[in-house]
């Protein structure tokens, strides 16, 4: 498939932040290649994928799957203008209870996949004359809490990898930035709350508790994070930004924890 439209590849595209990002890029006139390990039919609220895009069901943590994804991506578009590394898994357990298999699974999905994808995407970026990579990290990369060590470590590693990629890819006109969301109402957040990661009581009580910890007094919405991702991906909006971390957390990290 060929088109004059810009093309973006988004991982974790089935629901939450990923799906909101798919919808926003589509509204902005981009072609979207979406990747998710689950079929869209099993993701609540995902609906149909945009007609002018391409959805690929695959596990991004495996090298052989990454190769197959990019075979399909190249067949769809010979160039790539943006890559959004959004997919992630989370284990909410104390360090001493986290198994080696769980640790490795988090690192493979949240960190190794980005290493694999940027290597495979690089030739497509060069064919386009450059572009932008947005790595969706987390506020857990800079401030964290108990019982989420593997996730925090993977997101901290992703932040460091972002800086390294920005330096190495600058000669190829590829900008690389990280976006660090705070508490956003997604299936991952609700699953973590359901496991007792933060707060007590029913789901709404736990969401309300999180909301009180932000300056804005509310939990974020996936569409708000999608807007920040789009800002970092668009070369007209953020052309002089690379190697940076954009925190979008309702002010949660601005407030002293001792207050």
Protein backbone atom coordinates (compact mmCIF):
# COMPACT_ATOMS: atom_id res chain seq x y z
CA UNK A 1 0.00 0.00 0.00
CA UNK A 2 1.29 3.46 -0.88
CA UNK A 3 0.02 6.85 0.23
CA UNK A 4 1.07 10.45 0.64
CA UNK A 5 -0.11 10.30 4.23
CA UNK A 6 2.31 10.02 7.10
CA UNK A 7 2.52 6.61 8.73
CA UNK A 8 2.81 5.76 12.43
CA UNK A 9 3.24 2.40 14.13
CA UNK A 10 1.68 2.17 17.60
CA UNK A 11 2.13 -0.76 19.98
CA UNK A 12 -0.44 -1.67 22.60
CA UNK A 13 -3.01 -0.31 20.16
CA UNK A 14 -6.01 -2.32 21.33
CA UNK A 15 -7.24 -0.30 24.29
CA UNK A 16 -6.52 2.44 26.80
CA UNK A 17 -3.85 4.97 25.83
CA UNK A 18 -2.91 3.00 22.73
CA UNK A 19 -6.40 3.03 21.25
CA UNK A 20 -6.88 6.71 22.06
CA UNK A 21 -3.60 7.39 20.27
CA UNK A 22 -4.71 5.37 17.23
CA UNK A 23 -7.90 7.41 17.04
CA UNK A 24 -6.12 10.77 17.37
CA UNK A 25 -3.50 10.05 14.70
CA UNK A 26 -6.27 8.83 12.40
CA UNK A 27 -8.24 12.04 12.99
CA UNK A 28 -5.09 14.00 12.13
CA UNK A 29 -4.87 12.23 8.75
CA UNK A 30 -2.14 9.68 9.48
CA UNK A 31 -2.06 6.05 8.39
CA UNK A 32 -1.86 3.89 11.49
CA UNK A 33 -0.28 0.48 11.92
CA UNK A 34 -1.48 -0.87 15.25
CA UNK A 35 0.00 -3.82 17.13
CA UNK A 36 -1.50 -5.62 20.13
CA UNK A 37 -1.11 -9.09 21.59
CA UNK A 38 -4.89 -9.45 21.95
CA UNK A 39 -7.49 -9.63 19.15
CA UNK A 40 -9.53 -6.41 18.97
CA UNK A 41 -12.68 -8.44 19.52
CA UNK A 42 -11.49 -9.28 23.05
CA UNK A 43 -10.56 -5.71 24.06
CA UNK A 44 -13.43 -3.84 25.68
CA UNK A 45 -14.37 -0.67 23.80
CA UNK A 46 -11.82 -1.13 21.02
CA UNK A 47 -14.29 -1.25 18.13
CA UNK A 48 -13.15 -1.58 14.53
CA UNK A 49 -9.66 -0.54 13.51
CA UNK A 50 -9.50 2.46 11.13
CA UNK A 51 -10.28 1.38 7.58
CA UNK A 52 -7.16 3.01 6.10
CA UNK A 53 -4.88 1.44 8.71
CA UNK A 54 -3.56 -2.01 9.50
CA UNK A 55 -3.91 -4.01 12.71
CA UNK A 56 -1.39 -6.74 13.56
CA UNK A 57 -1.97 -9.17 16.41
CA UNK A 58 1.39 -10.22 17.84
CA UNK A 59 3.49 -10.49 20.99
CA UNK A 60 6.07 -7.71 20.73
CA UNK A 61 8.35 -9.18 23.40
CA UNK A 62 9.61 -11.95 21.10
CA UNK A 63 12.33 -11.22 18.50
CA UNK A 64 10.73 -13.47 15.88
CA UNK A 65 7.39 -11.71 16.33
CA UNK A 66 9.04 -8.30 15.94
CA UNK A 67 10.56 -9.41 12.62
CA UNK A 68 7.16 -10.63 11.39
CA UNK A 69 5.48 -7.40 12.47
CA UNK A 70 7.90 -5.33 10.43
CA UNK A 71 7.55 -7.61 7.42
CA UNK A 72 3.86 -6.74 7.43
CA UNK A 73 4.57 -3.09 8.18
CA UNK A 74 6.93 -2.79 5.20
CA UNK A 75 4.33 -4.40 2.95
CA UNK A 76 1.81 -1.80 4.11
CA UNK A 77 4.17 1.19 3.91
CA UNK A 78 7.82 1.41 2.80
CA UNK A 79 8.40 4.37 5.11
CA UNK A 80 7.64 5.27 8.70
CA UNK A 81 7.24 8.77 10.10
CA UNK A 82 6.60 7.94 13.76
CA UNK A 83 6.85 5.03 16.17
CA UNK A 84 4.96 5.00 19.46
CA UNK A 85 6.28 2.35 21.85
CA UNK A 86 3.28 2.18 24.16
CA UNK A 87 2.67 -1.50 24.95
CA UNK A 88 3.50 -2.66 28.46
CA UNK A 89 2.72 -5.26 31.09
CA UNK A 90 2.71 -4.74 34.84
CA UNK A 91 3.38 -7.03 37.78
CA UNK A 92 2.17 -5.59 41.09
CA UNK A 93 3.99 -7.71 43.67
CA UNK A 94 6.65 -7.26 46.35
CA UNK A 95 10.20 -7.77 45.08
CA UNK A 96 10.74 -10.90 47.17
CA UNK A 97 7.56 -12.45 45.74
CA UNK A 98 8.32 -11.57 42.11
CA UNK A 99 9.54 -14.61 40.18
CA UNK A 100 12.35 -14.59 37.63
CA UNK A 101 9.79 -15.43 34.97
CA UNK A 102 7.63 -12.44 35.91
CA UNK A 103 10.65 -10.11 36.00
CA UNK A 104 11.82 -11.31 32.58
CA UNK A 105 8.32 -11.00 31.13
CA UNK A 106 8.06 -7.36 32.21
CA UNK A 107 11.51 -6.51 30.86
CA UNK A 108 10.87 -8.27 27.57
CA UNK A 109 7.55 -6.53 26.97
CA UNK A 110 8.37 -3.07 28.30
CA UNK A 111 12.05 -2.63 27.45
CA UNK A 112 13.46 -5.28 25.12
CA UNK A 113 10.58 -4.76 22.69
CA UNK A 114 11.59 -1.10 22.26
CA UNK A 115 15.19 -2.11 21.55
CA UNK A 116 13.94 -4.56 18.92
CA UNK A 117 11.43 -2.18 17.34
CA UNK A 118 13.73 0.81 16.94
CA UNK A 119 16.34 -1.36 15.21
CA UNK A 120 13.75 -2.68 12.77
CA UNK A 121 12.10 0.72 12.29
CA UNK A 122 15.35 2.56 11.60
CA UNK A 123 15.54 1.75 7.85
CA UNK A 124 11.91 2.86 7.39
CA UNK A 125 12.67 6.15 9.12
CA UNK A 126 15.72 6.69 6.91
CA UNK A 127 13.60 6.01 3.83
CA UNK A 128 11.21 8.74 5.03
CA UNK A 129 14.05 11.20 5.63
CA UNK A 130 13.61 11.09 9.41
CA UNK A 131 10.81 11.03 11.93
CA UNK A 132 10.01 10.72 15.61
CA UNK A 133 9.99 7.97 18.24
CA UNK A 134 7.83 8.37 21.33
CA UNK A 135 8.51 5.96 24.18
CA UNK A 136 5.68 5.75 26.69
CA UNK A 137 7.48 5.47 30.02
CA UNK A 138 5.80 6.29 33.34
CA UNK A 139 6.10 8.52 36.38
CA UNK A 140 7.32 5.32 38.03
CA UNK A 141 10.59 5.98 36.18
CA UNK A 142 11.26 8.95 38.47
CA UNK A 143 9.09 8.37 41.56
CA UNK A 144 7.54 5.07 42.53
CA UNK A 145 5.82 3.08 45.25
CA UNK A 146 5.95 -0.34 46.89
CA UNK A 147 5.09 -3.58 45.12
CA UNK A 148 5.74 -2.46 41.55
CA UNK A 149 9.53 -2.78 41.25
CA UNK A 150 9.75 -4.69 37.95
CA UNK A 151 7.48 -2.21 36.18
CA UNK A 152 9.32 0.79 37.66
CA UNK A 153 12.70 -0.64 36.67
CA UNK A 154 11.55 -1.27 33.11
CA UNK A 155 10.19 2.25 32.76
CA UNK A 156 13.34 3.76 34.25
CA UNK A 157 15.40 1.76 31.76
CA UNK A 158 13.17 3.03 28.96
CA UNK A 159 13.86 6.61 30.00
CA UNK A 160 17.63 6.00 29.86
CA UNK A 161 17.27 4.21 26.52
CA UNK A 162 15.36 7.22 25.18
CA UNK A 163 18.33 9.50 25.85
CA UNK A 164 20.77 7.06 24.27
CA UNK A 165 18.63 6.69 21.15
CA UNK A 166 18.20 10.44 20.81
CA UNK A 167 21.98 10.87 20.68
CA UNK A 168 22.61 8.02 18.25
CA UNK A 169 19.70 8.75 15.91
CA UNK A 170 20.07 12.54 15.66
CA UNK A 171 22.33 12.34 12.54
CA UNK A 172 19.48 10.49 10.79
CA UNK A 173 16.97 13.26 11.62
CA UNK A 174 15.11 10.99 14.05
CA UNK A 175 13.93 12.62 17.26
CA UNK A 176 13.37 10.43 20.33
CA UNK A 177 11.42 11.51 23.41
CA UNK A 178 9.72 9.83 26.35
CA UNK A 179 6.26 10.57 27.67
CA UNK A 180 5.66 9.83 31.37
CA UNK A 181 1.97 9.48 32.26
CA UNK A 182 0.73 9.53 35.82
CA UNK A 183 -2.53 7.89 36.91
CA UNK A 184 -4.69 7.42 33.81
CA UNK A 185 -8.02 5.57 33.77
CA UNK A 186 -7.00 2.53 31.72
CA UNK A 187 -7.54 -1.22 32.06
CA UNK A 188 -3.96 -1.55 33.36
CA UNK A 189 -4.56 1.01 36.12
CA UNK A 190 -7.83 -0.62 37.15
CA UNK A 191 -6.22 -4.06 37.15
CA UNK A 192 -3.45 -2.77 39.41
CA UNK A 193 -5.96 -1.20 41.77
CA UNK A 194 -7.94 -4.41 41.76
CA UNK A 195 -4.86 -6.29 42.96
CA UNK A 196 -4.56 -3.86 45.85
CA UNK A 197 -1.55 -1.97 44.47
CA UNK A 198 -2.86 1.37 45.78
CA UNK A 199 -5.52 2.15 48.37
CA UNK A 200 -8.39 0.25 49.90
CA UNK A 201 -12.12 -0.13 49.29
CA UNK A 202 -14.01 -0.58 46.04
CA UNK A 203 -12.69 0.50 42.63
CA UNK A 204 -14.27 3.95 42.72
CA UNK A 205 -12.84 4.60 46.19
CA UNK A 206 -9.37 3.69 44.97
CA UNK A 207 -9.73 5.91 41.89
CA UNK A 208 -10.90 8.76 44.11
CA UNK A 209 -7.90 8.24 46.37
CA UNK A 210 -5.57 8.52 43.38
CA UNK A 211 -7.38 11.63 42.17
CA UNK A 212 -6.79 13.38 45.50
CA UNK A 213 -3.05 12.92 45.04
CA UNK A 214 -2.97 15.05 41.89
CA UNK A 215 -2.92 18.84 41.79
CA UNK A 216 -5.79 18.73 39.30
CA UNK A 217 -7.82 16.53 41.65
CA UNK A 218 -8.66 13.88 39.08
CA UNK A 219 -7.33 10.85 37.23
CA UNK A 220 -6.25 11.44 33.63
CA UNK A 221 -8.03 10.18 30.53
CA UNK A 222 -6.37 8.22 27.69
CA UNK A 223 -7.25 10.97 25.20
CA UNK A 224 -5.18 13.47 27.23
CA UNK A 225 -2.13 11.24 27.05
CA UNK A 226 -2.73 10.67 23.33
CA UNK A 227 -2.56 14.43 22.77
CA UNK A 228 0.83 14.61 24.48
CA UNK A 229 2.09 11.67 22.41
CA UNK A 230 0.92 13.37 19.23
CA UNK A 231 2.72 16.57 20.24
CA UNK A 232 6.01 14.67 20.60
CA UNK A 233 5.51 12.79 17.34
CA UNK A 234 4.61 15.77 15.16
CA UNK A 235 7.71 17.41 13.70
CA UNK A 236 5.96 20.75 13.33
CA UNK A 237 4.86 20.89 16.98
CA UNK A 238 8.00 19.63 18.73
CA UNK A 239 10.78 19.94 16.16
CA UNK A 240 13.42 21.12 18.68
CA UNK A 241 12.73 18.43 21.29
CA UNK A 242 14.77 15.25 21.55
CA UNK A 243 16.08 13.14 24.38
CA UNK A 244 13.53 14.63 26.75
CA UNK A 245 10.98 13.33 29.26
CA UNK A 246 7.54 14.94 29.19
CA UNK A 247 5.62 14.31 32.43
CA UNK A 248 1.81 14.32 32.11
CA UNK A 249 0.48 13.48 35.56
CA UNK A 250 -1.99 16.15 36.68
CA UNK A 251 0.73 17.62 38.85
CA UNK A 252 1.14 14.53 41.04
CA UNK A 253 4.96 14.68 41.04
CA UNK A 254 4.95 18.45 41.69
CA UNK A 255 3.64 18.10 45.23
CA UNK A 256 5.84 17.19 48.20
CA UNK A 257 4.91 13.80 49.61
CA UNK A 258 5.39 15.24 53.11
CA UNK A 259 2.51 17.71 52.72
